Amino acid sequence: MNHSSVKRVIAGAIAATALVTLAGCASSDAPAAEGETQTVTIGTLRGQPHFYQPFLYEQFAAEGIEYEVITLDTTPALNDALVSGAVDFAITGVTPTISSVAQDRDLKIVASAADGGSGFIGNESIESIEDLVGKNVGYVAGSAQEVALRLKLAEAGVDPADINLTVVPVPDMANAFKAGDIDAFFGVEIGVSLALQNGGHEISDPYDTPIGKVNIGLVTTGALIESDPELVQSVVDTHAETVAYMSENQDEWLTEMVNTFGGNQEIFDSALENFWLRSDLPTDYQDQLEALATEMEGLGLIESVPAIEDLVDTQFVDSE
């Protein structure tokens, strides 16, 4: 990434309250004339290695397309940015995307981005799921991790009412665990790696449920797919090339990310061992999305399960 790209990326970092200002800036509102450069805006999270793909897109961009990266604080905010038109694409969570589509919001997953990133972590007083009874257990409300936690509790025959379930924001989870405010949590990276560094251990395999490892994807709007499928194809192709590069050159791009945004590279290295970068949308991935949506309905997180064709558009990637 050259210095001008880094400056533009950092300048693009915004808060959710700025979405109204950004709305209307998306490339779909002003298609580039022949021979001109078209700017594609893409949202992601700042300083998270598994959300870093957009910062590398320019290395693999098609001729005539440049990328402007917009960072927000949460994946629901990224979905809101898509709906408002503040960004054209986003690397975002599949769980808030399912929630959005269930509310008839015009979003589509056009590629996967990364699986995994979850952890079911406890302190020294907890050796099994049954030991959680009477303990303080943190979770992220409305997340895939909450769904997996409740599936794990049900499998073990533990009533959630017998546990002190506590909603903890993602940035606060590791500190709450370190401070002893919670005895265990089902959360996400990099909090998982931080907790393991601070004496935590894995209680149970977080991926041994029907929803598997499904986590984040590349999402855009149905309107953009309809109006400019060639652009969507170009972005998905760039995304796939970027993911392939990241998978083979972790030391190179991760060092660049740490130099740009800061952070502990050792923790990031540990976190990335718990992620599986990808871009495809095979049948088993779609099955996991359906399982996640079904469990979300059962927990009352959504009113109905979206049809898979309303959630995913596989025409731009190899879905076999």
C-alpha atoms as a PDB file:
ATOM      1  CA  MET A   1       0.000   0.000   0.000  1.00  0.00           C
ATOM      2  CA  ASN A   2       1.554   3.361  -0.980  1.00  0.00           C
ATOM      3  CA  HIS A   3       1.547   6.409   1.301  1.00  0.00           C
ATOM      4  CA  SER A   4      -1.252   8.180  -0.576  1.00  0.00           C
ATOM      5  CA  SER A   5      -3.459   5.091  -0.235  1.00  0.00           C
ATOM      6  CA  VAL A   6      -2.784   4.904   3.497  1.00  0.00           C
ATOM      7  CA  LYS A   7      -3.624   8.577   3.926  1.00  0.00           C
ATOM      8  CA  ARG A   8      -6.855   8.176   2.006  1.00  0.00           C
ATOM      9  CA  VAL A   9      -7.783   5.086   4.037  1.00  0.00           C
ATOM     10  CA  ILE A  10      -7.174   6.816   7.363  1.00  0.00           C
ATOM     11  CA  ALA A  11      -9.021   9.915   6.202  1.00  0.00           C
ATOM     12  CA  GLY A  12     -11.966   7.696   5.327  1.00  0.00           C
ATOM     13  CA  ALA A  13     -12.418   6.450   8.900  1.00  0.00           C
ATOM     14  CA  ILE A  14     -15.792   7.717  10.155  1.00  0.00           C
ATOM     15  CA  ALA A  15     -18.331   7.233  12.927  1.00  0.00           C
ATOM     16  CA  ALA A  16     -21.786   5.834  12.334  1.00  0.00           C
ATOM     17  CA  THR A  17     -23.246   9.306  12.862  1.00  0.00           C
ATOM     18  CA  ALA A  18     -21.588  10.430   9.632  1.00  0.00           C
ATOM     19  CA  LEU A  19     -23.543   8.056   7.422  1.00  0.00           C
ATOM     20  CA  VAL A  20     -26.020  10.692   6.291  1.00  0.00           C
ATOM     21  CA  THR A  21     -23.124  12.850   5.087  1.00  0.00           C
ATOM     22  CA  LEU A  22     -21.627   9.954   3.183  1.00  0.00           C
ATOM     23  CA  ALA A  23     -24.915   8.832   1.608  1.00  0.00           C
ATOM     24  CA  GLY A  24     -24.959   9.632  -2.073  1.00  0.00           C
ATOM     25  CA  CYS A  25     -21.192   9.273  -2.444  1.00  0.00           C
ATOM     26  CA  ALA A  26     -21.386   5.645  -3.544  1.00  0.00           C
ATOM     27  CA  SER A  27     -20.142   4.788  -7.015  1.00  0.00           C
ATOM     28  CA  SER A  28     -23.520   3.392  -8.075  1.00  0.00           C
ATOM     29  CA  ASP A  29     -24.969   6.919  -7.901  1.00  0.00           C
ATOM     30  CA  ALA A  30     -22.528   8.274 -10.487  1.00  0.00           C
ATOM     31  CA  PRO A  31     -21.259   5.678 -12.970  1.00  0.00           C
ATOM     32  CA  ALA A  32     -17.948   6.608 -14.524  1.00  0.00           C
ATOM     33  CA  ALA A  33     -17.882   7.589 -18.172  1.00  0.00           C
ATOM     34  CA  GLU A  34     -15.838   5.464 -20.549  1.00  0.00           C
ATOM     35  CA  GLY A  35     -12.139   5.994 -19.919  1.00  0.00           C
ATOM     36  CA  GLU A  36     -12.638   7.562 -16.503  1.00  0.00           C
ATOM     37  CA  THR A  37     -11.802   6.096 -13.114  1.00  0.00           C
ATOM     38  CA  GLN A  38     -14.691   4.734 -11.074  1.00  0.00           C
ATOM     39  CA  THR A  39     -14.427   4.923  -7.295  1.00  0.00           C
ATOM     40  CA  VAL A  40     -15.932   2.062  -5.295  1.00  0.00           C
ATOM     41  CA  THR A  41     -16.561   2.664  -1.600  1.00  0.00           C
ATOM     42  CA  ILE A  42     -16.226  -0.305   0.705  1.00  0.00           C
ATOM     43  CA  GLY A  43     -16.865  -0.484   4.428  1.00  0.00           C
ATOM     44  CA  THR A  44     -15.014  -2.590   6.974  1.00  0.00           C
ATOM     45  CA  LEU A  45     -13.777  -2.608  10.577  1.00  0.00           C
ATOM     46  CA  ARG A  46     -10.552  -0.859  11.502  1.00  0.00           C
ATOM     47  CA  GLY A  47      -7.536  -2.722  12.837  1.00  0.00           C
ATOM     48  CA  GLN A  48      -9.018  -6.223  12.564  1.00  0.00           C
ATOM     49  CA  PRO A  49      -6.894  -8.656  10.503  1.00  0.00           C
ATOM     50  CA  HIS A  50      -9.834 -10.709   9.221  1.00  0.00           C
ATOM     51  CA  PHE A  51     -11.510  -7.482   7.987  1.00  0.00           C
ATOM     52  CA  TYR A  52      -8.368  -6.187   6.290  1.00  0.00           C
ATOM     53  CA  GLN A  53      -9.110  -7.298   2.717  1.00  0.00           C
ATOM     54  CA  PRO A  54     -10.373  -3.900   1.446  1.00  0.00           C
ATOM     55  CA  PHE A  55      -7.115  -2.190   2.418  1.00  0.00           C
ATOM     56  CA  LEU A  56      -5.362  -4.402  -0.141  1.00  0.00           C
ATOM     57  CA  TYR A  57      -7.922  -4.250  -2.951  1.00  0.00           C
ATOM     58  CA  GLU A  58      -6.030  -1.601  -4.927  1.00  0.00           C
ATOM     59  CA  GLN A  59      -3.184  -4.072  -5.496  1.00  0.00           C
ATOM     60  CA  PHE A  60      -5.617  -6.278  -7.437  1.00  0.00           C
ATOM     61  CA  ALA A  61      -8.039  -3.693  -8.808  1.00  0.00           C
ATOM     62  CA  ALA A  62      -9.218  -3.860 -12.405  1.00  0.00           C
ATOM     63  CA  GLU A  63      -8.156  -1.035 -14.677  1.00  0.00           C
ATOM     64  CA  GLY A  64     -10.373   2.013 -14.216  1.00  0.00           C
ATOM     65  CA  ILE A  65     -11.494   1.120 -10.676  1.00  0.00           C
ATOM     66  CA  GLU A  66     -10.128   2.539  -7.436  1.00  0.00           C
ATOM     67  CA  TYR A  67     -11.228   1.789  -3.891  1.00  0.00           C
ATOM     68  CA  GLU A  68     -12.055   4.105  -1.024  1.00  0.00           C
ATOM     69  CA  VAL A  69     -12.143   2.323   2.337  1.00  0.00           C
ATOM     70  CA  ILE A  70     -14.592   3.511   4.982  1.00  0.00           C
ATOM     71  CA  THR A  71     -14.203   2.153   8.525  1.00  0.00           C
ATOM     72  CA  LEU A  72     -16.991   1.845  11.070  1.00  0.00           C
ATOM     73  CA  ASP A  73     -17.146   0.481  14.615  1.00  0.00           C
ATOM     74  CA  THR A  74     -19.580  -2.452  14.296  1.00  0.00           C
ATOM     75  CA  THR A  75     -20.912  -4.836  11.679  1.00  0.00           C
ATOM     76  CA  PRO A  76     -24.545  -3.636  12.155  1.00  0.00           C
ATOM     77  CA  ALA A  77     -23.286  -0.122  11.365  1.00  0.00           C
ATOM     78  CA  LEU A  78     -21.688  -1.482   8.191  1.00  0.00           C
ATOM     79  CA  ASN A  79     -25.017  -2.959   7.133  1.00  0.00           C
ATOM     80  CA  ASP A  80     -26.724   0.362   7.840  1.00  0.00           C
ATOM     81  CA  ALA A  81     -24.122   2.074   5.661  1.00  0.00           C
ATOM     82  CA  LEU A  82     -24.946  -0.277   2.795  1.00  0.00           C
ATOM     83  CA  VAL A  83     -28.668   0.312   3.115  1.00  0.00           C
ATOM     84  CA  SER A  84     -28.234   4.094   3.280  1.00  0.00           C
ATOM     85  CA  GLY A  85     -25.986   4.152   0.229  1.00  0.00           C
ATOM     86  CA  ALA A  86     -22.981   5.398   2.194  1.00  0.00           C
ATOM     87  CA  VAL A  87     -20.906   2.491   0.857  1.00  0.00           C
ATOM     88  CA  ASP A  88     -21.218   0.222  -2.175  1.00  0.00           C
ATOM     89  CA  PHE A  89     -19.863  -2.937  -0.524  1.00  0.00           C
ATOM     90  CA  ALA A  90     -18.907  -4.057   2.969  1.00  0.00           C
ATOM     91  CA  ILE A  91     -16.956  -6.804   4.651  1.00  0.00           C
ATOM     92  CA  THR A  92     -19.447  -7.510   7.420  1.00  0.00           C
ATOM     93  CA  GLY A  93     -20.957 -10.156   9.632  1.00  0.00           C
ATOM     94  CA  VAL A  94     -23.361 -12.681   8.176  1.00  0.00           C
ATOM     95  CA  THR A  95     -25.506 -12.544  11.339  1.00  0.00           C
ATOM     96  CA  PRO A  96     -26.475  -8.856  11.024  1.00  0.00           C
ATOM     97  CA  THR A  97     -26.888  -9.452   7.293  1.00  0.00           C
ATOM     98  CA  ILE A  98     -29.404 -12.230   7.975  1.00  0.00           C
ATOM     99  CA  SER A  99     -31.203  -9.881  10.384  1.00  0.00           C
ATOM    100  CA  SER A 100     -31.257  -7.152   7.737  1.00  0.00           C
ATOM    101  CA  VAL A 101     -32.599  -9.414   5.001  1.00  0.00           C
ATOM    102  CA  ALA A 102     -35.245 -10.753   7.411  1.00  0.00           C
ATOM    103  CA  GLN A 103     -36.375  -7.130   7.744  1.00  0.00           C
ATOM    104  CA  ASP A 104     -36.664  -6.849   3.935  1.00  0.00           C
ATOM    105  CA  ARG A 105     -33.528  -4.755   3.614  1.00  0.00           C
ATOM    106  CA  ASP A 106     -31.993  -5.035   0.150  1.00  0.00           C
ATOM    107  CA  LEU A 107     -28.700  -6.813   0.924  1.00  0.00           C
ATOM    108  CA  LYS A 108     -26.955  -9.787  -0.657  1.00  0.00           C
ATOM    109  CA  ILE A 109     -23.893 -11.820   0.275  1.00  0.00           C
ATOM    110  CA  VAL A 110     -21.861 -12.058  -2.941  1.00  0.00           C
ATOM    111  CA  ALA A 111     -18.756 -13.779  -1.519  1.00  0.00           C
ATOM    112  CA  SER A 112     -17.503 -15.181   1.739  1.00  0.00           C
ATOM    113  CA  ALA A 113     -14.636 -13.392   3.508  1.00  0.00           C
ATOM    114  CA  ALA A 114     -13.539 -15.338   6.585  1.00  0.00           C
ATOM    115  CA  ASP A 115     -14.761 -18.194   8.743  1.00  0.00           C
ATOM    116  CA  GLY A 116     -14.057 -18.765  12.400  1.00  0.00           C
ATOM    117  CA  GLY A 117     -12.853 -16.204  14.887  1.00  0.00           C
ATOM    118  CA  SER A 118     -14.926 -17.587  17.760  1.00  0.00           C
ATOM    119  CA  GLY A 119     -13.906 -18.921  21.159  1.00  0.00           C
ATOM    120  CA  PHE A 120     -15.644 -20.438  24.200  1.00  0.00           C
ATOM    121  CA  ILE A 121     -13.243 -19.426  26.952  1.00  0.00           C
ATOM    122  CA  GLY A 122     -13.292 -20.035  30.718  1.00  0.00           C
ATOM    123  CA  ASN A 123     -11.124 -19.387  33.758  1.00  0.00           C
ATOM    124  CA  GLU A 124      -9.528 -21.992  36.017  1.00  0.00           C
ATOM    125  CA  SER A 125     -12.811 -22.661  37.857  1.00  0.00           C
ATOM    126  CA  ILE A 126     -14.512 -23.987  34.731  1.00  0.00           C
ATOM    127  CA  GLU A 127     -13.624 -27.309  33.130  1.00  0.00           C
ATOM    128  CA  SER A 128     -16.875 -28.117  31.364  1.00  0.00           C
ATOM    129  CA  ILE A 129     -20.090 -26.487  30.194  1.00  0.00           C
ATOM    130  CA  GLU A 130     -21.844 -27.862  33.276  1.00  0.00           C
ATOM    131  CA  ASP A 131     -19.464 -25.800  35.446  1.00  0.00           C
ATOM    132  CA  LEU A 132     -21.018 -22.618  34.053  1.00  0.00           C
ATOM    133  CA  VAL A 133     -24.048 -22.970  36.329  1.00  0.00           C
ATOM    134  CA  GLY A 134     -24.076 -20.006  38.720  1.00  0.00           C
ATOM    135  CA  LYS A 135     -21.200 -18.305  36.888  1.00  0.00           C
ATOM    136  CA  ASN A 136     -20.997 -14.987  35.047  1.00  0.00           C
ATOM    137  CA  VAL A 137     -20.822 -15.679  31.321  1.00  0.00           C
ATOM    138  CA  GLY A 138     -20.280 -12.950  28.728  1.00  0.00           C
ATOM    139  CA  TYR A 139     -21.704 -12.971  25.230  1.00  0.00           C
ATOM    140  CA  VAL A 140     -22.304 -10.628  22.287  1.00  0.00           C
ATOM    141  CA  ALA A 141     -26.027  -9.994  21.905  1.00  0.00           C
ATOM    142  CA  GLY A 142     -27.544 -11.039  18.581  1.00  0.00           C
ATOM    143  CA  SER A 143     -24.322 -12.568  17.278  1.00  0.00           C
ATOM    144  CA  ALA A 144     -23.510 -15.932  15.751  1.00  0.00           C
ATOM    145  CA  GLN A 145     -21.578 -16.558  18.947  1.00  0.00           C
ATOM    146  CA  GLU A 146     -24.735 -16.116  21.031  1.00  0.00           C
ATOM    147  CA  VAL A 147     -26.497 -18.630  18.804  1.00  0.00           C
ATOM    148  CA  ALA A 148     -23.623 -21.110  19.167  1.00  0.00           C
ATOM    149  CA  LEU A 149     -23.515 -20.566  22.940  1.00  0.00           C
ATOM    150  CA  ARG A 150     -27.185 -21.380  23.323  1.00  0.00           C
ATOM    151  CA  LEU A 151     -26.812 -24.446  21.114  1.00  0.00           C
ATOM    152  CA  LYS A 152     -23.924 -25.632  23.286  1.00  0.00           C
ATOM    153  CA  LEU A 153     -25.916 -25.091  26.486  1.00  0.00           C
ATOM    154  CA  ALA A 154     -28.876 -27.019  25.088  1.00  0.00           C
ATOM    155  CA  GLU A 155     -26.653 -29.903  24.005  1.00  0.00           C
ATOM    156  CA  ALA A 156     -25.166 -30.098  27.499  1.00  0.00           C
ATOM    157  CA  GLY A 157     -28.594 -29.883  29.167  1.00  0.00           C
ATOM    158  CA  VAL A 158     -27.775 -26.599  30.902  1.00  0.00           C
ATOM    159  CA  ASP A 159     -30.645 -24.146  31.361  1.00  0.00           C
ATOM    160  CA  PRO A 160     -29.550 -20.581  30.436  1.00  0.00           C
ATOM    161  CA  ALA A 161     -31.652 -19.396  33.389  1.00  0.00           C
ATOM    162  CA  ASP A 162     -29.149 -21.097  35.705  1.00  0.00           C
ATOM    163  CA  ILE A 163     -26.293 -18.958  34.318  1.00  0.00           C
ATOM    164  CA  ASN A 164     -25.657 -15.262  34.831  1.00  0.00           C
ATOM    165  CA  LEU A 165     -25.570 -14.362  31.150  1.00  0.00           C
ATOM    166  CA  THR A 166     -24.101 -10.891  30.641  1.00  0.00           C
ATOM    167  CA  VAL A 167     -24.035  -8.827  27.446  1.00  0.00           C
ATOM    168  CA  VAL A 168     -20.507  -7.493  26.951  1.00  0.00           C
ATOM    169  CA  PRO A 169     -19.410  -5.317  23.991  1.00  0.00           C
ATOM    170  CA  VAL A 170     -16.769  -6.932  21.818  1.00  0.00           C
ATOM    171  CA  PRO A 171     -13.978  -4.430  22.695  1.00  0.00           C
ATOM    172  CA  ASP A 172     -14.587  -4.963  26.434  1.00  0.00           C
ATOM    173  CA  MET A 173     -14.758  -8.771  26.530  1.00  0.00           C
ATOM    174  CA  ALA A 174     -11.085  -9.577  27.118  1.00  0.00           C
ATOM    175  CA  ASN A 175     -10.716  -6.885  29.790  1.00  0.00           C
ATOM    176  CA  ALA A 176     -13.877  -8.065  31.579  1.00  0.00           C
ATOM    177  CA  PHE A 177     -12.468 -11.592  31.627  1.00  0.00           C
ATOM    178  CA  LYS A 178      -9.041 -10.450  32.806  1.00  0.00           C
ATOM    179  CA  ALA A 179     -10.617  -8.367  35.592  1.00  0.00           C
ATOM    180  CA  GLY A 180     -12.730 -11.294  36.777  1.00  0.00           C
ATOM    181  CA  ASP A 181     -16.030  -9.576  35.985  1.00  0.00           C
ATOM    182  CA  ILE A 182     -16.965 -12.636  33.938  1.00  0.00           C
ATOM    183  CA  ASP A 183     -15.857 -16.225  34.501  1.00  0.00           C
ATOM    184  CA  ALA A 184     -16.298 -17.293  30.899  1.00  0.00           C
ATOM    185  CA  PHE A 185     -17.427 -15.971  27.551  1.00  0.00           C
ATOM    186  CA  PHE A 186     -18.370 -17.041  24.061  1.00  0.00           C
ATOM    187  CA  GLY A 187     -16.837 -14.287  21.978  1.00  0.00           C
ATOM    188  CA  VAL A 188     -14.706 -13.304  19.047  1.00  0.00           C
ATOM    189  CA  GLU A 189     -11.132 -12.495  18.143  1.00  0.00           C
ATOM    190  CA  ILE A 190      -8.965 -10.764  19.075  1.00  0.00           C
ATOM    191  CA  GLY A 191     -10.564 -10.993  22.514  1.00  0.00           C
ATOM    192  CA  VAL A 192     -10.243 -14.769  22.433  1.00  0.00           C
ATOM    193  CA  SER A 193      -6.471 -14.667  21.903  1.00  0.00           C
ATOM    194  CA  LEU A 194      -6.071 -11.981  24.569  1.00  0.00           C
ATOM    195  CA  ALA A 195      -8.040 -14.079  27.071  1.00  0.00           C
ATOM    196  CA  LEU A 196      -5.970 -17.173  26.307  1.00  0.00           C
ATOM    197  CA  GLN A 197      -2.839 -15.100  26.906  1.00  0.00           C
ATOM    198  CA  ASN A 198      -4.277 -14.034  30.267  1.00  0.00           C
ATOM    199  CA  GLY A 199      -4.831 -17.545  31.634  1.00  0.00           C
ATOM    200  CA  GLY A 200      -8.049 -18.579  29.935  1.00  0.00           C
ATOM    201  CA  HIS A 201      -8.614 -21.924  28.264  1.00  0.00           C
ATOM    202  CA  GLU A 202     -11.071 -23.319  25.741  1.00  0.00           C
ATOM    203  CA  ILE A 203     -14.119 -24.912  27.365  1.00  0.00           C
ATOM    204  CA  SER A 204     -15.469 -26.552  24.234  1.00  0.00           C
ATOM    205  CA  ASP A 205     -14.995 -26.496  20.462  1.00  0.00           C
ATOM    206  CA  PRO A 206     -16.883 -23.343  19.367  1.00  0.00           C
ATOM    207  CA  TYR A 207     -17.495 -24.707  15.874  1.00  0.00           C
ATOM    208  CA  ASP A 208     -19.059 -28.036  16.805  1.00  0.00           C
ATOM    209  CA  THR A 209     -22.633 -26.863  16.143  1.00  0.00           C
ATOM    210  CA  PRO A 210     -24.878 -26.830  13.049  1.00  0.00           C
ATOM    211  CA  ILE A 211     -23.761 -23.270  12.203  1.00  0.00           C
ATOM    212  CA  GLY A 212     -20.114 -24.334  11.973  1.00  0.00           C
ATOM    213  CA  LYS A 213     -17.510 -21.617  11.375  1.00  0.00           C
ATOM    214  CA  VAL A 214     -19.582 -19.210   9.265  1.00  0.00           C
ATOM    215  CA  ASN A 215     -18.741 -15.614  10.163  1.00  0.00           C
ATOM    216  CA  ILE A 216     -18.190 -12.756   7.698  1.00  0.00           C
ATOM    217  CA  GLY A 217     -18.787 -12.074   4.020  1.00  0.00           C
ATOM    218  CA  LEU A 218     -18.660  -9.526   1.223  1.00  0.00           C
ATOM    219  CA  VAL A 219     -22.069  -7.865   1.005  1.00  0.00           C
ATOM    220  CA  THR A 220     -23.663  -5.379  -1.390  1.00  0.00           C
ATOM    221  CA  THR A 221     -27.195  -4.357  -2.355  1.00  0.00           C
ATOM    222  CA  GLY A 222     -29.570  -6.062  -4.732  1.00  0.00           C
ATOM    223  CA  ALA A 223     -30.030  -2.714  -6.453  1.00  0.00           C
ATOM    224  CA  LEU A 224     -26.325  -2.493  -7.339  1.00  0.00           C
ATOM    225  CA  ILE A 225     -26.319  -6.080  -8.562  1.00  0.00           C
ATOM    226  CA  GLU A 226     -29.226  -5.238 -10.859  1.00  0.00           C
ATOM    227  CA  SER A 227     -27.869  -1.908 -12.090  1.00  0.00           C
ATOM    228  CA  ASP A 228     -24.204  -2.806 -12.545  1.00  0.00           C
ATOM    229  CA  PRO A 229     -23.476  -6.547 -12.429  1.00  0.00           C
ATOM    230  CA  GLU A 230     -20.163  -6.008 -14.248  1.00  0.00           C
ATOM    231  CA  LEU A 231     -18.937  -3.814 -11.403  1.00  0.00           C
ATOM    232  CA  VAL A 232     -20.029  -6.390  -8.824  1.00  0.00           C
ATOM    233  CA  GLN A 233     -18.172  -9.083 -10.754  1.00  0.00           C
ATOM    234  CA  SER A 234     -15.038  -6.931 -10.846  1.00  0.00           C
ATOM    235  CA  VAL A 235     -15.170  -6.272  -7.099  1.00  0.00           C
ATOM    236  CA  VAL A 236     -15.742  -9.947  -6.295  1.00  0.00           C
ATOM    237  CA  ASP A 237     -12.831 -10.926  -8.549  1.00  0.00           C
ATOM    238  CA  THR A 238     -10.608  -8.398  -6.756  1.00  0.00           C
ATOM    239  CA  HIS A 239     -11.802  -9.708  -3.405  1.00  0.00           C
ATOM    240  CA  ALA A 240     -10.996 -13.302  -4.393  1.00  0.00           C
ATOM    241  CA  GLU A 241      -7.498 -12.352  -5.589  1.00  0.00           C
ATOM    242  CA  THR A 242      -6.900 -10.411  -2.376  1.00  0.00           C
ATOM    243  CA  VAL A 243      -8.003 -13.336  -0.195  1.00  0.00           C
ATOM    244  CA  ALA A 244      -5.706 -15.682  -2.122  1.00  0.00           C
ATOM    245  CA  TYR A 245      -2.798 -13.280  -1.597  1.00  0.00           C
ATOM    246  CA  MET A 246      -3.552 -12.852   2.118  1.00  0.00           C
ATOM    247  CA  SER A 247      -3.712 -16.602   2.630  1.00  0.00           C
ATOM    248  CA  GLU A 248      -0.221 -17.072   1.200  1.00  0.00           C
ATOM    249  CA  ASN A 249       1.501 -13.909   2.492  1.00  0.00           C
ATOM    250  CA  GLN A 250       0.346 -13.367   6.075  1.00  0.00           C
ATOM    251  CA  ASP A 251       3.684 -12.086   7.382  1.00  0.00           C
ATOM    252  CA  GLU A 252       3.845  -9.460   4.654  1.00  0.00           C
ATOM    253  CA  TRP A 253       0.413  -7.861   4.941  1.00  0.00           C
ATOM    254  CA  LEU A 254       0.004  -8.335   8.701  1.00  0.00           C
ATOM    255  CA  THR A 255       3.235  -6.439   9.351  1.00  0.00           C
ATOM    256  CA  GLU A 256       1.940  -3.683   7.087  1.00  0.00           C
ATOM    257  CA  MET A 257      -1.350  -3.566   8.994  1.00  0.00           C
ATOM    258  CA  VAL A 258       0.395  -3.325  12.365  1.00  0.00           C
ATOM    259  CA  ASN A 259       2.701  -0.596  11.063  1.00  0.00           C
ATOM    260  CA  THR A 260      -0.310   1.380   9.822  1.00  0.00           C
ATOM    261  CA  PHE A 261      -2.780   0.940  12.669  1.00  0.00           C
ATOM    262  CA  GLY A 262      -0.711  -0.384  15.575  1.00  0.00           C
ATOM    263  CA  GLY A 263      -1.431  -3.389  17.757  1.00  0.00           C
ATOM    264  CA  ASN A 264       0.310  -6.493  19.018  1.00  0.00           C
ATOM    265  CA  GLN A 265       1.400  -8.600  16.059  1.00  0.00           C
ATOM    266  CA  GLU A 266       1.863 -11.674  18.267  1.00  0.00           C
ATOM    267  CA  ILE A 267      -1.808 -11.490  19.293  1.00  0.00           C
ATOM    268  CA  PHE A 268      -2.856 -10.949  15.675  1.00  0.00           C
ATOM    269  CA  ASP A 269      -0.813 -13.981  14.618  1.00  0.00           C
ATOM    270  CA  SER A 270      -2.615 -16.044  17.248  1.00  0.00           C
ATOM    271  CA  ALA A 271      -6.008 -14.706  16.171  1.00  0.00           C
ATOM    272  CA  LEU A 272      -5.365 -15.540  12.533  1.00  0.00           C
ATOM    273  CA  GLU A 273      -4.728 -19.169  13.458  1.00  0.00           C
ATOM    274  CA  ASN A 274      -8.405 -19.153  14.455  1.00  0.00           C
ATOM    275  CA  PHE A 275      -9.593 -17.730  11.119  1.00  0.00           C
ATOM    276  CA  TRP A 276      -9.989 -19.243   7.699  1.00  0.00           C
ATOM    277  CA  LEU A 277      -9.891 -16.661   4.922  1.00  0.00           C
ATOM    278  CA  ARG A 278     -12.060 -17.531   1.938  1.00  0.00           C
ATOM    279  CA  SER A 279     -14.164 -16.084  -0.894  1.00  0.00           C
ATOM    280  CA  ASP A 280     -16.288 -18.963  -2.203  1.00  0.00           C
ATOM    281  CA  LEU A 281     -19.961 -19.739  -1.527  1.00  0.00           C
ATOM    282  CA  PRO A 282     -20.275 -23.532  -1.726  1.00  0.00           C
ATOM    283  CA  THR A 283     -23.376 -25.482  -0.779  1.00  0.00           C
ATOM    284  CA  ASP A 284     -22.120 -26.359   2.702  1.00  0.00           C
ATOM    285  CA  TYR A 285     -21.494 -22.667   3.422  1.00  0.00           C
ATOM    286  CA  GLN A 286     -25.049 -21.863   2.371  1.00  0.00           C
ATOM    287  CA  ASP A 287     -26.299 -24.717   4.558  1.00  0.00           C
ATOM    288  CA  GLN A 288     -24.532 -23.146   7.546  1.00  0.00           C
ATOM    289  CA  LEU A 289     -26.164 -19.796   6.756  1.00  0.00           C
ATOM    290  CA  GLU A 290     -29.566 -21.472   6.716  1.00  0.00           C
ATOM    291  CA  ALA A 291     -28.826 -23.233   9.990  1.00  0.00           C
ATOM    292  CA  LEU A 292     -27.756 -19.935  11.557  1.00  0.00           C
ATOM    293  CA  ALA A 293     -30.917 -18.205  10.351  1.00  0.00           C
ATOM    294  CA  THR A 294     -33.085 -21.052  11.638  1.00  0.00           C
ATOM    295  CA  GLU A 295     -31.500 -20.862  15.080  1.00  0.00           C
ATOM    296  CA  MET A 296     -31.855 -17.066  15.067  1.00  0.00           C
ATOM    297  CA  GLU A 297     -35.569 -17.484  14.433  1.00  0.00           C
ATOM    298  CA  GLY A 298     -35.819 -19.998  17.258  1.00  0.00           C
ATOM    299  CA  LEU A 299     -34.181 -17.508  19.639  1.00  0.00           C
ATOM    300  CA  GLY A 300     -36.517 -14.719  18.535  1.00  0.00           C
ATOM    301  CA  LEU A 301     -33.695 -12.719  16.929  1.00  0.00           C
ATOM    302  CA  ILE A 302     -35.607 -12.649  13.632  1.00  0.00           C
ATOM    303  CA  GLU A 303     -39.274 -13.230  12.863  1.00  0.00           C
ATOM    304  CA  SER A 304     -38.765 -15.507   9.874  1.00  0.00           C
ATOM    305  CA  VAL A 305     -35.958 -17.283   8.042  1.00  0.00           C
ATOM    306  CA  PRO A 306     -35.040 -15.641   4.720  1.00  0.00           C
ATOM    307  CA  ALA A 307     -34.925 -17.869   1.661  1.00  0.00           C
ATOM    308  CA  ILE A 308     -31.309 -18.621   0.782  1.00  0.00           C
ATOM    309  CA  GLU A 309     -31.758 -17.012  -2.649  1.00  0.00           C
ATOM    310  CA  ASP A 310     -32.809 -13.797  -0.909  1.00  0.00           C
ATOM    311  CA  LEU A 311     -29.678 -13.882   1.230  1.00  0.00           C
ATOM    312  CA  VAL A 312     -26.968 -15.076  -1.165  1.00  0.00           C
ATOM    313  CA  ASP A 313     -26.186 -14.383  -4.820  1.00  0.00           C
ATOM    314  CA  THR A 314     -23.730 -16.998  -6.082  1.00  0.00           C
ATOM    315  CA  GLN A 315     -23.426 -15.865  -9.691  1.00  0.00           C
ATOM    316  CA  PHE A 316     -20.165 -13.977  -9.103  1.00  0.00           C
ATOM    317  CA  VAL A 317     -18.136 -16.751  -7.436  1.00  0.00           C
ATOM    318  CA  ASP A 318     -17.580 -20.467  -7.819  1.00  0.00           C
ATOM    319  CA  SER A 319     -20.370 -21.942  -5.664  1.00  0.00           C
ATOM    320  CA  GLU A 320     -19.616 -25.604  -6.277  1.00  0.00           C
END
